[in-house]
Amino acid sequence: MAITLVSIQIIPKTKNGEDVIPYVDEAIQVIEESGVNYQVNALETTLEGDLSHLLSVVEKMNKKMIEVGSPSVISQVKIAYHPEGITMDQLTEKYR
């Protein structure tokens, strides 16, 4: 399958209004352990790879939020799919 881009902003609910950054760090660790190419940005993280695999990573990220104590989570996901494939570098090269 062609290389696809998936960007995710994960928004865990916290029990007592505590900082979400430790939760987000856990979500990024799930990405790291998946082995996919990724880039953390200010408001979202972009993953690059096979769409099915990337969606399974998103699922694991959501499950991880519950495991670490979040009662619920919202994930905002964007998918860039092109039959010939697309990479982060292709989308951003003119800006670098």
PDB file of N, CA and C in Angstrom:
ATOM      1  N   MET A   1       0.834  -1.179   0.000  1.00  0.00           N
ATOM      2  CA  MET A   1       0.000   0.000   0.000  1.00  0.00           C
ATOM      3  C   MET A   1       0.880   1.245   0.000  1.00  0.00           C
ATOM      4  N   ALA A   2       0.364   2.310  -0.558  1.00  0.00           N
ATOM      5  CA  ALA A   2       1.101   3.565  -0.657  1.00  0.00           C
ATOM      6  C   ALA A   2       1.323   4.177   0.726  1.00  0.00           C
ATOM      7  N   ILE A   3       2.407   4.912   0.834  1.00  0.00           N
ATOM      8  CA  ILE A   3       2.684   5.625   2.082  1.00  0.00           C
ATOM      9  C   ILE A   3       1.599   6.679   2.295  1.00  0.00           C
ATOM     10  N   THR A   4       1.070   6.709   3.496  1.00  0.00           N
ATOM     11  CA  THR A   4      -0.006   7.620   3.883  1.00  0.00           C
ATOM     12  C   THR A   4       0.461   8.463   5.059  1.00  0.00           C
ATOM     13  N   LEU A   5      -0.109   9.640   5.194  1.00  0.00           N
ATOM     14  CA  LEU A   5       0.156  10.490   6.354  1.00  0.00           C
ATOM     15  C   LEU A   5      -1.087  10.539   7.229  1.00  0.00           C
ATOM     16  N   VAL A   6      -0.883  10.385   8.518  1.00  0.00           N
ATOM     17  CA  VAL A   6      -1.960  10.524   9.496  1.00  0.00           C
ATOM     18  C   VAL A   6      -1.465  11.494  10.561  1.00  0.00           C
ATOM     19  N   SER A   7      -2.222  12.565  10.747  1.00  0.00           N
ATOM     20  CA  SER A   7      -1.913  13.500  11.831  1.00  0.00           C
ATOM     21  C   SER A   7      -2.943  13.309  12.922  1.00  0.00           C
ATOM     22  N   ILE A   8      -2.475  13.325  14.157  1.00  0.00           N
ATOM     23  CA  ILE A   8      -3.373  13.122  15.292  1.00  0.00           C
ATOM     24  C   ILE A   8      -3.099  14.146  16.380  1.00  0.00           C
ATOM     25  N   GLN A   9      -4.183  14.677  16.902  1.00  0.00           N
ATOM     26  CA  GLN A   9      -4.133  15.476  18.121  1.00  0.00           C
ATOM     27  C   GLN A   9      -4.950  14.689  19.128  1.00  0.00           C
ATOM     28  N   ILE A  10      -4.302  14.222  20.165  1.00  0.00           N
ATOM     29  CA  ILE A  10      -4.985  13.411  21.167  1.00  0.00           C
ATOM     30  C   ILE A  10      -5.284  14.304  22.374  1.00  0.00           C
ATOM     31  N   ILE A  11      -6.543  14.266  22.817  1.00  0.00           N
ATOM     32  CA  ILE A  11      -6.994  15.148  23.885  1.00  0.00           C
ATOM     33  C   ILE A  11      -7.599  14.281  24.992  1.00  0.00           C
ATOM     34  N   PRO A  12      -6.764  13.863  25.942  1.00  0.00           N
ATOM     35  CA  PRO A  12      -7.283  13.034  27.034  1.00  0.00           C
ATOM     36  C   PRO A  12      -8.002  13.888  28.070  1.00  0.00           C
ATOM     37  N   LYS A  13      -9.079  13.365  28.582  1.00  0.00           N
ATOM     38  CA  LYS A  13      -9.741  14.001  29.721  1.00  0.00           C
ATOM     39  C   LYS A  13      -8.985  13.558  30.963  1.00  0.00           C
ATOM     40  N   THR A  14      -8.799  14.480  31.887  1.00  0.00           N
ATOM     41  CA  THR A  14      -8.123  14.115  33.129  1.00  0.00           C
ATOM     42  C   THR A  14      -9.137  14.118  34.270  1.00  0.00           C
ATOM     43  N   LYS A  15      -8.907  13.291  35.249  1.00  0.00           N
ATOM     44  CA  LYS A  15      -9.867  13.104  36.348  1.00  0.00           C
ATOM     45  C   LYS A  15     -10.097  14.376  37.146  1.00  0.00           C
ATOM     46  N   ASN A  16      -9.023  15.078  37.449  1.00  0.00           N
ATOM     47  CA  ASN A  16      -9.124  16.246  38.334  1.00  0.00           C
ATOM     48  C   ASN A  16      -8.585  17.516  37.681  1.00  0.00           C
ATOM     49  N   GLY A  17      -8.636  17.562  36.358  1.00  0.00           N
ATOM     50  CA  GLY A  17      -8.167  18.746  35.654  1.00  0.00           C
ATOM     51  C   GLY A  17      -6.660  18.911  35.636  1.00  0.00           C
ATOM     52  N   GLU A  18      -5.925  17.827  35.900  1.00  0.00           N
ATOM     53  CA  GLU A  18      -4.466  17.928  35.902  1.00  0.00           C
ATOM     54  C   GLU A  18      -3.930  18.108  34.476  1.00  0.00           C
ATOM     55  N   ASP A  19      -2.676  18.456  34.387  1.00  0.00           N
ATOM     56  CA  ASP A  19      -1.998  18.697  33.116  1.00  0.00           C
ATOM     57  C   ASP A  19      -2.079  17.467  32.216  1.00  0.00           C
ATOM     58  N   VAL A  20      -2.354  17.677  30.941  1.00  0.00           N
ATOM     59  CA  VAL A  20      -2.465  16.552  29.997  1.00  0.00           C
ATOM     60  C   VAL A  20      -1.122  16.143  29.398  1.00  0.00           C
ATOM     61  N   ILE A  21      -0.089  16.948  29.561  1.00  0.00           N
ATOM     62  CA  ILE A  21       1.200  16.664  28.915  1.00  0.00           C
ATOM     63  C   ILE A  21       1.747  15.286  29.271  1.00  0.00           C
ATOM     64  N   PRO A  22       1.708  14.829  30.523  1.00  0.00           N
ATOM     65  CA  PRO A  22       2.196  13.474  30.798  1.00  0.00           C
ATOM     66  C   PRO A  22       1.416  12.398  30.022  1.00  0.00           C
ATOM     67  N   TYR A  23       0.130  12.632  29.804  1.00  0.00           N
ATOM     68  CA  TYR A  23      -0.673  11.706  29.020  1.00  0.00           C
ATOM     69  C   TYR A  23      -0.235  11.726  27.551  1.00  0.00           C
ATOM     70  N   VAL A  24      -0.039  12.925  27.031  1.00  0.00           N
ATOM     71  CA  VAL A  24       0.409  13.069  25.645  1.00  0.00           C
ATOM     72  C   VAL A  24       1.775  12.410  25.464  1.00  0.00           C
ATOM     73  N   ASP A  25       2.642  12.558  26.453  1.00  0.00           N
ATOM     74  CA  ASP A  25       3.948  11.887  26.401  1.00  0.00           C
ATOM     75  C   ASP A  25       3.779  10.373  26.274  1.00  0.00           C
ATOM     76  N   GLU A  26       2.812   9.820  26.989  1.00  0.00           N
ATOM     77  CA  GLU A  26       2.531   8.379  26.894  1.00  0.00           C
ATOM     78  C   GLU A  26       2.046   8.012  25.488  1.00  0.00           C
ATOM     79  N   ALA A  27       1.208   8.864  24.907  1.00  0.00           N
ATOM     80  CA  ALA A  27       0.706   8.614  23.551  1.00  0.00           C
ATOM     81  C   ALA A  27       1.850   8.640  22.537  1.00  0.00           C
ATOM     82  N   ILE A  28       2.750   9.575  22.698  1.00  0.00           N
ATOM     83  CA  ILE A  28       3.901   9.665  21.793  1.00  0.00           C
ATOM     84  C   ILE A  28       4.816   8.458  21.975  1.00  0.00           C
ATOM     85  N   GLN A  29       4.915   7.946  23.178  1.00  0.00           N
ATOM     86  CA  GLN A  29       5.700   6.733  23.415  1.00  0.00           C
ATOM     87  C   GLN A  29       5.119   5.552  22.637  1.00  0.00           C
ATOM     88  N   VAL A  30       3.796   5.475  22.544  1.00  0.00           N
ATOM     89  CA  VAL A  30       3.150   4.422  21.747  1.00  0.00           C
ATOM     90  C   VAL A  30       3.594   4.535  20.291  1.00  0.00           C
ATOM     91  N   ILE A  31       3.644   5.759  19.778  1.00  0.00           N
ATOM     92  CA  ILE A  31       4.108   5.969  18.398  1.00  0.00           C
ATOM     93  C   ILE A  31       5.557   5.524  18.263  1.00  0.00           C
ATOM     94  N   GLU A  32       6.389   5.954  19.196  1.00  0.00           N
ATOM     95  CA  GLU A  32       7.814   5.589  19.175  1.00  0.00           C
ATOM     96  C   GLU A  32       7.988   4.073  19.127  1.00  0.00           C
ATOM     97  N   GLU A  33       7.239   3.369  19.955  1.00  0.00           N
ATOM     98  CA  GLU A  33       7.357   1.912  20.019  1.00  0.00           C
ATOM     99  C   GLU A  33       6.834   1.226  18.758  1.00  0.00           C
ATOM    100  N   SER A  34       5.999   1.907  17.982  1.00  0.00           N
ATOM    101  CA  SER A  34       5.447   1.321  16.758  1.00  0.00           C
ATOM    102  C   SER A  34       6.477   1.234  15.634  1.00  0.00           C
ATOM    103  N   GLY A  35       7.502   2.064  15.717  1.00  0.00           N
ATOM    104  CA  GLY A  35       8.538   2.056  14.697  1.00  0.00           C
ATOM    105  C   GLY A  35       8.228   2.881  13.462  1.00  0.00           C
ATOM    106  N   VAL A  36       7.085   3.569  13.412  1.00  0.00           N
ATOM    107  CA  VAL A  36       6.765   4.372  12.235  1.00  0.00           C
ATOM    108  C   VAL A  36       7.528   5.689  12.261  1.00  0.00           C
ATOM    109  N   ASN A  37       7.732   6.242  11.086  1.00  0.00           N
ATOM    110  CA  ASN A  37       8.322   7.570  10.983  1.00  0.00           C
ATOM    111  C   ASN A  37       7.277   8.568  11.479  1.00  0.00           C
ATOM    112  N   TYR A  38       7.699   9.520  12.328  1.00  0.00           N
ATOM    113  CA  TYR A  38       6.751  10.495  12.839  1.00  0.00           C
ATOM    114  C   TYR A  38       7.450  11.801  13.151  1.00  0.00           C
ATOM    115  N   GLN A  39       6.639  12.851  13.284  1.00  0.00           N
ATOM    116  CA  GLN A  39       7.159  14.166  13.635  1.00  0.00           C
ATOM    117  C   GLN A  39       6.180  14.822  14.602  1.00  0.00           C
ATOM    118  N   VAL A  40       6.693  15.224  15.767  1.00  0.00           N
ATOM    119  CA  VAL A  40       5.884  15.927  16.757  1.00  0.00           C
ATOM    120  C   VAL A  40       5.904  17.407  16.415  1.00  0.00           C
ATOM    121  N   ASN A  41       4.722  18.000  16.331  1.00  0.00           N
ATOM    122  CA  ASN A  41       4.586  19.429  16.084  1.00  0.00           C
ATOM    123  C   ASN A  41       3.869  20.061  17.273  1.00  0.00           C
ATOM    124  N   ALA A  42       3.678  21.348  17.233  1.00  0.00           N
ATOM    125  CA  ALA A  42       3.114  22.062  18.381  1.00  0.00           C
ATOM    126  C   ALA A  42       1.710  21.595  18.757  1.00  0.00           C
ATOM    127  N   LEU A  43       0.865  21.303  17.779  1.00  0.00           N
ATOM    128  CA  LEU A  43      -0.528  20.982  18.078  1.00  0.00           C
ATOM    129  C   LEU A  43      -0.960  19.587  17.657  1.00  0.00           C
ATOM    130  N   GLU A  44      -0.099  18.870  16.961  1.00  0.00           N
ATOM    131  CA  GLU A  44      -0.429  17.519  16.521  1.00  0.00           C
ATOM    132  C   GLU A  44       0.846  16.781  16.157  1.00  0.00           C
ATOM    133  N   THR A  45       0.718  15.493  15.988  1.00  0.00           N
ATOM    134  CA  THR A  45       1.836  14.659  15.587  1.00  0.00           C
ATOM    135  C   THR A  45       1.462  13.985  14.279  1.00  0.00           C
ATOM    136  N   THR A  46       2.399  13.969  13.325  1.00  0.00           N
ATOM    137  CA  THR A  46       2.153  13.353  12.025  1.00  0.00           C
ATOM    138  C   THR A  46       2.937  12.061  11.926  1.00  0.00           C
ATOM    139  N   LEU A  47       2.235  11.005  11.489  1.00  0.00           N
ATOM    140  CA  LEU A  47       2.810   9.683  11.301  1.00  0.00           C
ATOM    141  C   LEU A  47       2.834   9.377   9.816  1.00  0.00           C
ATOM    142  N   GLU A  48       3.792   8.569   9.394  1.00  0.00           N
ATOM    143  CA  GLU A  48       3.967   8.242   7.988  1.00  0.00           C
ATOM    144  C   GLU A  48       4.100   6.733   7.846  1.00  0.00           C
ATOM    145  N   GLY A  49       3.298   6.129   6.973  1.00  0.00           N
ATOM    146  CA  GLY A  49       3.404   4.689   6.769  1.00  0.00           C
ATOM    147  C   GLY A  49       2.166   4.103   6.122  1.00  0.00           C
ATOM    148  N   ASP A  50       1.983   2.814   6.301  1.00  0.00           N
ATOM    149  CA  ASP A  50       0.832   2.087   5.780  1.00  0.00           C
ATOM    150  C   ASP A  50      -0.417   2.490   6.564  1.00  0.00           C
ATOM    151  N   LEU A  51      -1.485   2.833   5.871  1.00  0.00           N
ATOM    152  CA  LEU A  51      -2.687   3.340   6.526  1.00  0.00           C
ATOM    153  C   LEU A  51      -3.225   2.389   7.586  1.00  0.00           C
ATOM    154  N   SER A  52      -3.322   1.112   7.286  1.00  0.00           N
ATOM    155  CA  SER A  52      -3.849   0.152   8.261  1.00  0.00           C
ATOM    156  C   SER A  52      -3.003   0.132   9.531  1.00  0.00           C
ATOM    157  N   HIS A  53      -1.698   0.148   9.347  1.00  0.00           N
ATOM    158  CA  HIS A  53      -0.795   0.143  10.504  1.00  0.00           C
ATOM    159  C   HIS A  53      -0.952   1.434  11.311  1.00  0.00           C
ATOM    160  N   LEU A  54      -1.028   2.566  10.619  1.00  0.00           N
ATOM    161  CA  LEU A  54      -1.152   3.842  11.321  1.00  0.00           C
ATOM    162  C   LEU A  54      -2.451   3.914  12.121  1.00  0.00           C
ATOM    163  N   LEU A  55      -3.534   3.392  11.547  1.00  0.00           N
ATOM    164  CA  LEU A  55      -4.802   3.394  12.278  1.00  0.00           C
ATOM    165  C   LEU A  55      -4.736   2.484  13.506  1.00  0.00           C
ATOM    166  N   SER A  56      -3.970   1.404  13.412  1.00  0.00           N
ATOM    167  CA  SER A  56      -3.805   0.549  14.592  1.00  0.00           C
ATOM    168  C   SER A  56      -2.994   1.274  15.663  1.00  0.00           C
ATOM    169  N   VAL A  57      -2.046   2.110  15.261  1.00  0.00           N
ATOM    170  CA  VAL A  57      -1.279   2.907  16.224  1.00  0.00           C
ATOM    171  C   VAL A  57      -2.202   3.908  16.921  1.00  0.00           C
ATOM    172  N   VAL A  58      -3.085   4.543  16.149  1.00  0.00           N
ATOM    173  CA  VAL A  58      -4.049   5.479  16.730  1.00  0.00           C
ATOM    174  C   VAL A  58      -4.929   4.756  17.754  1.00  0.00           C
ATOM    175  N   GLU A  59      -5.364   3.561  17.426  1.00  0.00           N
ATOM    176  CA  GLU A  59      -6.172   2.778  18.364  1.00  0.00           C
ATOM    177  C   GLU A  59      -5.393   2.494  19.648  1.00  0.00           C
ATOM    178  N   LYS A  60      -4.131   2.106  19.513  1.00  0.00           N
ATOM    179  CA  LYS A  60      -3.299   1.824  20.688  1.00  0.00           C
ATOM    180  C   LYS A  60      -3.086   3.075  21.535  1.00  0.00           C
ATOM    181  N   MET A  61      -2.955   4.227  20.882  1.00  0.00           N
ATOM    182  CA  MET A  61      -2.791   5.488  21.611  1.00  0.00           C
ATOM    183  C   MET A  61      -4.010   5.767  22.477  1.00  0.00           C
ATOM    184  N   ASN A  62      -5.194   5.568  21.906  1.00  0.00           N
ATOM    185  CA  ASN A  62      -6.429   5.802  22.661  1.00  0.00           C
ATOM    186  C   ASN A  62      -6.546   4.844  23.837  1.00  0.00           C
ATOM    187  N   LYS A  63      -6.246   3.582  23.600  1.00  0.00           N
ATOM    188  CA  LYS A  63      -6.299   2.592  24.681  1.00  0.00           C
ATOM    189  C   LYS A  63      -5.287   2.914  25.778  1.00  0.00           C
ATOM    190  N   LYS A  64      -4.123   3.414  25.391  1.00  0.00           N
ATOM    191  CA  LYS A  64      -3.094   3.775  26.365  1.00  0.00           C
ATOM    192  C   LYS A  64      -3.580   4.894  27.283  1.00  0.00           C
ATOM    193  N   MET A  65      -4.327   5.849  26.734  1.00  0.00           N
ATOM    194  CA  MET A  65      -4.844   6.948  27.556  1.00  0.00           C
ATOM    195  C   MET A  65      -5.739   6.414  28.677  1.00  0.00           C
ATOM    196  N   ILE A  66      -6.554   5.426  28.360  1.00  0.00           N
ATOM    197  CA  ILE A  66      -7.422   4.826  29.370  1.00  0.00           C
ATOM    198  C   ILE A  66      -6.588   4.049  30.390  1.00  0.00           C
ATOM    199  N   GLU A  67      -5.577   3.316  29.897  1.00  0.00           N
ATOM    200  CA  GLU A  67      -4.707   2.540  30.791  1.00  0.00           C
ATOM    201  C   GLU A  67      -3.990   3.412  31.811  1.00  0.00           C
ATOM    202  N   VAL A  68      -3.620   4.639  31.400  1.00  0.00           N
ATOM    203  CA  VAL A  68      -2.873   5.509  32.314  1.00  0.00           C
ATOM    204  C   VAL A  68      -3.786   6.418  33.134  1.00  0.00           C
ATOM    205  N   GLY A  69      -5.096   6.187  33.057  1.00  0.00           N
ATOM    206  CA  GLY A  69      -5.995   6.863  33.973  1.00  0.00           C
ATOM    207  C   GLY A  69      -6.954   7.891  33.414  1.00  0.00           C
ATOM    208  N   SER A  70      -6.930   8.129  32.122  1.00  0.00           N
ATOM    209  CA  SER A  70      -7.892   9.064  31.550  1.00  0.00           C
ATOM    210  C   SER A  70      -9.246   8.367  31.425  1.00  0.00           C
ATOM    211  N   PRO A  71     -10.330   8.998  31.904  1.00  0.00           N
ATOM    212  CA  PRO A  71     -11.632   8.350  31.784  1.00  0.00           C
ATOM    213  C   PRO A  71     -12.179   8.334  30.359  1.00  0.00           C
ATOM    214  N   SER A  72     -11.701   9.257  29.514  1.00  0.00           N
ATOM    215  CA  SER A  72     -12.107   9.287  28.107  1.00  0.00           C
ATOM    216  C   SER A  72     -11.102  10.113  27.315  1.00  0.00           C
ATOM    217  N   VAL A  73     -11.187   9.993  25.987  1.00  0.00           N
ATOM    218  CA  VAL A  73     -10.228  10.687  25.132  1.00  0.00           C
ATOM    219  C   VAL A  73     -10.894  11.064  23.811  1.00  0.00           C
ATOM    220  N   ILE A  74     -10.511  12.214  23.297  1.00  0.00           N
ATOM    221  CA  ILE A  74     -10.921  12.631  21.958  1.00  0.00           C
ATOM    222  C   ILE A  74      -9.666  12.639  21.103  1.00  0.00           C
ATOM    223  N   SER A  75      -9.777  12.066  19.904  1.00  0.00           N
ATOM    224  CA  SER A  75      -8.668  12.099  18.953  1.00  0.00           C
ATOM    225  C   SER A  75      -9.137  12.776  17.674  1.00  0.00           C
ATOM    226  N   GLN A  76      -8.458  13.835  17.320  1.00  0.00           N
ATOM    227  CA  GLN A  76      -8.738  14.497  16.049  1.00  0.00           C
ATOM    228  C   GLN A  76      -7.708  13.977  15.062  1.00  0.00           C
ATOM    229  N   VAL A  77      -8.200  13.349  13.990  1.00  0.00           N
ATOM    230  CA  VAL A  77      -7.320  12.668  13.044  1.00  0.00           C
ATOM    231  C   VAL A  77      -7.518  13.240  11.642  1.00  0.00           C
ATOM    232  N   LYS A  78      -6.404  13.478  10.961  1.00  0.00           N
ATOM    233  CA  LYS A  78      -6.419  13.880   9.553  1.00  0.00           C
ATOM    234  C   LYS A  78      -5.632  12.834   8.778  1.00  0.00           C
ATOM    235  N   ILE A  79      -6.133  12.481   7.608  1.00  0.00           N
ATOM    236  CA  ILE A  79      -5.473  11.477   6.778  1.00  0.00           C
ATOM    237  C   ILE A  79      -5.221  12.068   5.391  1.00  0.00           C
ATOM    238  N   ALA A  80      -3.972  11.980   4.951  1.00  0.00           N
ATOM    239  CA  ALA A  80      -3.619  12.363   3.580  1.00  0.00           C
ATOM    240  C   ALA A  80      -3.248  11.087   2.839  1.00  0.00           C
ATOM    241  N   TYR A  81      -4.130  10.673   1.952  1.00  0.00           N
ATOM    242  CA  TYR A  81      -3.906   9.443   1.192  1.00  0.00           C
ATOM    243  C   TYR A  81      -3.859   9.774  -0.284  1.00  0.00           C
ATOM    244  N   HIS A  82      -2.795   9.353  -0.936  1.00  0.00           N
ATOM    245  CA  HIS A  82      -2.627   9.494  -2.378  1.00  0.00           C
ATOM    246  C   HIS A  82      -2.258   8.119  -2.921  1.00  0.00           C
ATOM    247  N   PRO A  83      -2.913   7.659  -3.978  1.00  0.00           N
ATOM    248  CA  PRO A  83      -2.627   6.312  -4.490  1.00  0.00           C
ATOM    249  C   PRO A  83      -1.145   6.066  -4.785  1.00  0.00           C
ATOM    250  N   GLU A  84      -0.427   7.121  -5.190  1.00  0.00           N
ATOM    251  CA  GLU A  84       0.995   6.956  -5.495  1.00  0.00           C
ATOM    252  C   GLU A  84       1.871   7.127  -4.264  1.00  0.00           C
ATOM    253  N   GLY A  85       1.255   7.463  -3.138  1.00  0.00           N
ATOM    254  CA  GLY A  85       1.994   7.656  -1.894  1.00  0.00           C
ATOM    255  C   GLY A  85       2.341   9.113  -1.676  1.00  0.00           C
ATOM    256  N   ILE A  86       2.576   9.458  -0.433  1.00  0.00           N
ATOM    257  CA  ILE A  86       2.940  10.830  -0.067  1.00  0.00           C
ATOM    258  C   ILE A  86       3.756  10.776   1.222  1.00  0.00           C
ATOM    259  N   THR A  87       4.716  11.669   1.333  1.00  0.00           N
ATOM    260  CA  THR A  87       5.551  11.716   2.529  1.00  0.00           C
ATOM    261  C   THR A  87       5.497  13.110   3.152  1.00  0.00           C
ATOM    262  N   MET A  88       5.927  13.206   4.392  1.00  0.00           N
ATOM    263  CA  MET A  88       6.003  14.509   5.053  1.00  0.00           C
ATOM    264  C   MET A  88       6.940  15.430   4.297  1.00  0.00           C
ATOM    265  N   ASP A  89       8.065  14.881   3.841  1.00  0.00           N
ATOM    266  CA  ASP A  89       9.039  15.701   3.123  1.00  0.00           C
ATOM    267  C   ASP A  89       8.456  16.271   1.837  1.00  0.00           C
ATOM    268  N   GLN A  90       7.679  15.477   1.132  1.00  0.00           N
ATOM    269  CA  GLN A  90       7.062  15.979  -0.107  1.00  0.00           C
ATOM    270  C   GLN A  90       6.135  17.157   0.165  1.00  0.00           C
ATOM    271  N   LEU A  91       5.425  17.110   1.249  1.00  0.00           N
ATOM    272  CA  LEU A  91       4.483  18.197   1.565  1.00  0.00           C
ATOM    273  C   LEU A  91       5.162  19.450   2.080  1.00  0.00           C
ATOM    274  N   THR A  92       6.335  19.298   2.684  1.00  0.00           N
ATOM    275  CA  THR A  92       6.964  20.450   3.344  1.00  0.00           C
ATOM    276  C   THR A  92       8.268  20.915   2.720  1.00  0.00           C
ATOM    277  N   GLU A  93       8.765  20.228   1.687  1.00  0.00           N
ATOM    278  CA  GLU A  93      10.108  20.532   1.171  1.00  0.00           C
ATOM    279  C   GLU A  93      10.267  21.983   0.724  1.00  0.00           C
ATOM    280  N   LYS A  94       9.241  22.615   0.182  1.00  0.00           N
ATOM    281  CA  LYS A  94       9.411  23.988  -0.282  1.00  0.00           C
ATOM    282  C   LYS A  94       9.546  24.982   0.878  1.00  0.00           C
ATOM    283  N   TYR A  95       9.241  24.539   2.096  1.00  0.00           N
ATOM    284  CA  TYR A  95       9.353  25.408   3.260  1.00  0.00           C
ATOM    285  C   TYR A  95      10.650  25.195   4.033  1.00  0.00           C
ATOM    286  N   ARG A  96      11.456  24.267   3.618  1.00  0.00           N
ATOM    287  CA  ARG A  96      12.682  23.957   4.355  1.00  0.00           C
ATOM    288  C   ARG A  96      13.898  24.438   3.608  1.00  0.00           C
TER     289      ARG A  96
END
